[in-house]
C-alpha atoms as a PDB file:
ATOM      1  CA  MET A   1       0.000   0.000   0.000  1.00  0.00           C
ATOM      2  CA  THR A   2       1.329   3.427  -0.953  1.00  0.00           C
ATOM      3  CA  LEU A   3       0.926   6.124   1.660  1.00  0.00           C
ATOM      4  CA  LYS A   4      -0.273   9.444   0.247  1.00  0.00           C
ATOM      5  CA  SER A   5      -0.133  12.825   1.934  1.00  0.00           C
ATOM      6  CA  LYS A   6      -2.172  16.010   1.593  1.00  0.00           C
ATOM      7  CA  ILE A   7      -1.698  19.435   3.089  1.00  0.00           C
ATOM      8  CA  CYS A   8      -4.978  21.301   3.025  1.00  0.00           C
ATOM      9  CA  GLY A   9      -6.061  24.847   3.664  1.00  0.00           C
ATOM     10  CA  VAL A  10      -3.070  26.573   2.094  1.00  0.00           C
ATOM     11  CA  SER A  11      -3.745  30.296   1.794  1.00  0.00           C
ATOM     12  CA  ASP A  12      -0.312  31.914   1.672  1.00  0.00           C
ATOM     13  CA  SER A  13       2.172  31.969  -1.215  1.00  0.00           C
ATOM     14  CA  LYS A  14       5.204  31.737   1.097  1.00  0.00           C
ATOM     15  CA  VAL A  15       3.838  28.553   2.671  1.00  0.00           C
ATOM     16  CA  LEU A  16       2.857  27.170  -0.734  1.00  0.00           C
ATOM     17  CA  ASN A  17       6.341  27.769  -2.138  1.00  0.00           C
ATOM     18  CA  PHE A  18       7.879  26.025   0.858  1.00  0.00           C
ATOM     19  CA  ILE A  19       5.551  23.037   0.468  1.00  0.00           C
ATOM     20  CA  VAL A  20       6.024  22.438  -3.270  1.00  0.00           C
ATOM     21  CA  ASN A  21       9.781  23.004  -3.112  1.00  0.00           C
ATOM     22  CA  HIS A  22      10.343  20.723  -0.114  1.00  0.00           C
ATOM     23  CA  ASN A  23      12.559  17.669  -0.594  1.00  0.00           C
ATOM     24  CA  TYR A  24       9.541  15.513   0.270  1.00  0.00           C
ATOM     25  CA  PRO A  25       6.505  17.445  -0.950  1.00  0.00           C
ATOM     26  CA  PRO A  26       2.991  16.172  -0.276  1.00  0.00           C
ATOM     27  CA  GLN A  27       1.218  14.419  -3.105  1.00  0.00           C
ATOM     28  CA  PHE A  28      -1.771  16.772  -2.757  1.00  0.00           C
ATOM     29  CA  VAL A  29      -2.115  20.453  -1.814  1.00  0.00           C
ATOM     30  CA  GLY A  30      -5.655  21.585  -1.049  1.00  0.00           C
ATOM     31  CA  PHE A  31      -7.295  25.002  -1.182  1.00  0.00           C
ATOM     32  CA  ILE A  32     -10.603  25.813   0.575  1.00  0.00           C
ATOM     33  CA  ILE A  33     -12.467  27.663  -2.151  1.00  0.00           C
ATOM     34  CA  ASN A  34     -16.122  28.267  -1.467  1.00  0.00           C
ATOM     35  CA  TYR A  35     -16.538  27.949   2.274  1.00  0.00           C
ATOM     36  CA  PRO A  36     -15.930  31.391   3.832  1.00  0.00           C
ATOM     37  CA  LYS A  37     -16.755  30.055   7.323  1.00  0.00           C
ATOM     38  CA  SER A  38     -13.367  28.326   7.286  1.00  0.00           C
ATOM     39  CA  LYS A  39     -10.410  30.312   8.590  1.00  0.00           C
ATOM     40  CA  ARG A  40      -8.448  28.688   5.746  1.00  0.00           C
ATOM     41  CA  TYR A  41     -10.820  29.986   3.032  1.00  0.00           C
ATOM     42  CA  VAL A  42      -9.197  31.592  -0.022  1.00  0.00           C
ATOM     43  CA  ASP A  43     -11.124  34.096  -2.142  1.00  0.00           C
ATOM     44  CA  ILE A  44     -10.908  33.910  -5.937  1.00  0.00           C
ATOM     45  CA  LYS A  45      -8.557  36.872  -6.335  1.00  0.00           C
ATOM     46  CA  LYS A  46      -6.008  35.420  -3.910  1.00  0.00           C
ATOM     47  CA  LEU A  47      -6.536  31.935  -5.313  1.00  0.00           C
ATOM     48  CA  LYS A  48      -5.535  33.109  -8.796  1.00  0.00           C
ATOM     49  CA  GLU A  49      -2.277  34.443  -7.360  1.00  0.00           C
ATOM     50  CA  LEU A  50      -1.594  31.196  -5.480  1.00  0.00           C
ATOM     51  CA  MET A  51      -2.191  29.176  -8.636  1.00  0.00           C
ATOM     52  CA  LYS A  52       0.755  30.927 -10.278  1.00  0.00           C
ATOM     53  CA  VAL A  53       3.080  28.968  -7.981  1.00  0.00           C
ATOM     54  CA  GLU A  54       4.398  25.992  -9.940  1.00  0.00           C
ATOM     55  CA  LYS A  55       3.118  22.817  -8.314  1.00  0.00           C
ATOM     56  CA  LYS A  56       6.078  20.709  -9.404  1.00  0.00           C
ATOM     57  CA  ASN A  57       5.483  17.176  -8.036  1.00  0.00           C
ATOM     58  CA  SER A  58       2.254  17.858  -6.156  1.00  0.00           C
ATOM     59  CA  PHE A  59      -1.343  17.862  -7.342  1.00  0.00           C
ATOM     60  CA  TYR A  60      -3.537  20.897  -6.660  1.00  0.00           C
ATOM     61  CA  VAL A  61      -6.949  20.137  -5.134  1.00  0.00           C
ATOM     62  CA  ALA A  62      -9.974  22.447  -5.094  1.00  0.00           C
ATOM     63  CA  VAL A  63     -11.853  21.702  -1.863  1.00  0.00           C
ATOM     64  CA  LEU A  64     -15.513  22.573  -2.493  1.00  0.00           C
ATOM     65  CA  VAL A  65     -18.624  22.436  -0.317  1.00  0.00           C
ATOM     66  CA  ASN A  66     -21.746  21.863  -2.425  1.00  0.00           C
ATOM     67  CA  PRO A  67     -20.437  24.129  -5.205  1.00  0.00           C
ATOM     68  CA  ASN A  68     -22.775  26.037  -7.502  1.00  0.00           C
ATOM     69  CA  GLN A  69     -22.149  26.507 -11.217  1.00  0.00           C
ATOM     70  CA  ASP A  70     -20.884  30.067 -10.698  1.00  0.00           C
ATOM     71  CA  ILE A  71     -17.927  29.006  -8.537  1.00  0.00           C
ATOM     72  CA  LEU A  72     -17.183  26.060 -10.830  1.00  0.00           C
ATOM     73  CA  GLU A  73     -16.969  28.406 -13.812  1.00  0.00           C
ATOM     74  CA  LYS A  74     -14.685  30.786 -11.909  1.00  0.00           C
ATOM     75  CA  ILE A  75     -12.166  28.047 -11.112  1.00  0.00           C
ATOM     76  CA  ASN A  76     -12.523  25.979 -14.286  1.00  0.00           C
ATOM     77  CA  LYS A  77      -9.463  27.460 -16.011  1.00  0.00           C
ATOM     78  CA  LEU A  78      -7.257  27.260 -12.911  1.00  0.00           C
ATOM     79  CA  PRO A  79      -4.692  24.424 -12.824  1.00  0.00           C
ATOM     80  CA  PHE A  80      -6.518  22.095 -10.433  1.00  0.00           C
ATOM     81  CA  ASP A  81      -5.885  18.396 -10.853  1.00  0.00           C
ATOM     82  CA  TYR A  82      -8.666  17.263  -8.552  1.00  0.00           C
ATOM     83  CA  TYR A  83     -11.897  18.448  -6.978  1.00  0.00           C
ATOM     84  CA  GLN A  84     -12.657  17.293  -3.459  1.00  0.00           C
ATOM     85  CA  LEU A  85     -16.400  17.632  -2.881  1.00  0.00           C
ATOM     86  CA  TYR A  86     -18.372  17.807   0.346  1.00  0.00           C
ATOM     87  CA  ASP A  87     -22.109  17.902   0.999  1.00  0.00           C
ATOM     88  CA  CYS A  88     -23.079  16.891  -2.551  1.00  0.00           C
ATOM     89  CA  GLU A  89     -25.669  14.430  -3.753  1.00  0.00           C
ATOM     90  CA  PRO A  90     -24.372  11.608  -5.997  1.00  0.00           C
ATOM     91  CA  ASN A  91     -26.113  13.010  -9.087  1.00  0.00           C
ATOM     92  CA  LYS A  92     -24.505  16.414  -8.562  1.00  0.00           C
ATOM     93  CA  ILE A  93     -21.089  14.817  -8.096  1.00  0.00           C
ATOM     94  CA  LYS A  94     -21.494  12.929 -11.366  1.00  0.00           C
ATOM     95  CA  SER A  95     -22.583  16.096 -13.174  1.00  0.00           C
ATOM     96  CA  ILE A  96     -19.643  18.117 -11.820  1.00  0.00           C
ATOM     97  CA  LYS A  97     -17.205  15.420 -12.879  1.00  0.00           C
ATOM     98  CA  GLU A  98     -18.643  15.204 -16.395  1.00  0.00           C
ATOM     99  CA  LYS A  99     -18.969  18.966 -17.006  1.00  0.00           C
ATOM    100  CA  ASN A 100     -15.631  19.980 -15.552  1.00  0.00           C
ATOM    101  CA  ARG A 101     -13.538  17.007 -16.597  1.00  0.00           C
ATOM    102  CA  ARG A 102     -11.743  16.782 -13.276  1.00  0.00           C
ATOM    103  CA  ARG A 103     -10.765  13.801 -11.238  1.00  0.00           C
ATOM    104  CA  LEU A 104     -12.439  13.597  -7.859  1.00  0.00           C
ATOM    105  CA  LEU A 105     -10.381  13.057  -4.752  1.00  0.00           C
ATOM    106  CA  LEU A 106     -12.069  10.668  -2.390  1.00  0.00           C
ATOM    107  CA  LEU A 107     -10.693  10.495   1.123  1.00  0.00           C
END
């Protein structure tokens, strides 16, 4: 069994640079996108800046709570490898996967 690691809730470019340039970077780096109640939430403007940091050997994950089409359109062109979805019905998950052509991260 291969052990995989994920650092989630990254909201600072200095931290992100440290993570992706580490000798042993995590396989996944997650960003809290549409849940402003979280202290780790990142708004779209800041998210676009963070996405300019080259991910090197890590995968970028958009962490989304029951996302609407508006937020999905805003992040669609950003370099996310995976979407991690919470609080979504199975039909909505299937639709998001088909429309946005992203892999889903299941933890």
